[in-house]
Amino acid sequence: MGTRTVAEVNEALNAIGDPELLVNAVDAYVEGLPGDARHEFEQIVRVQAVDEGCRWSDLEGTDIDDVQDIAGWDNIEFAEIIRDKGVDFANRRGELDKLHQAALDEVSGPRYR
């Protein structure tokens, strides 16, 4: 079991500030997952789009960026959805520490040094 809480991970992600960088942090976490888990996360985001009125047939087989475009989410909405779904997903998997580290890495990576 990890040591980070949902509140700590949310705080670290929110501290990033820039919606695009927040999405990058969650994406870095998701990219480190085995294929089935990555697919599961992508499906969760697609289901959110369907819940908001999109047709499943328009979303099937798309990548996450395409889902954003199809759903009509602006960068801030998309970042909030990715953050919320990412934290929930990491929490269910017992991997909040990994997502927290991805957030820290995003703000302290090479482009900020």
Foldseek 3Di string as FASTA:
>chain_A
DDDDDLVLLLVLLVVVPDLVLSLVLLVVLLVPDPPVLVVVLQVVLLVVLVVLPADSVCVPPDGLVVSCVRSVPDSVRSSVVSSVSSSVSCVVVVNSVSSSVSSVCSCPPPVND
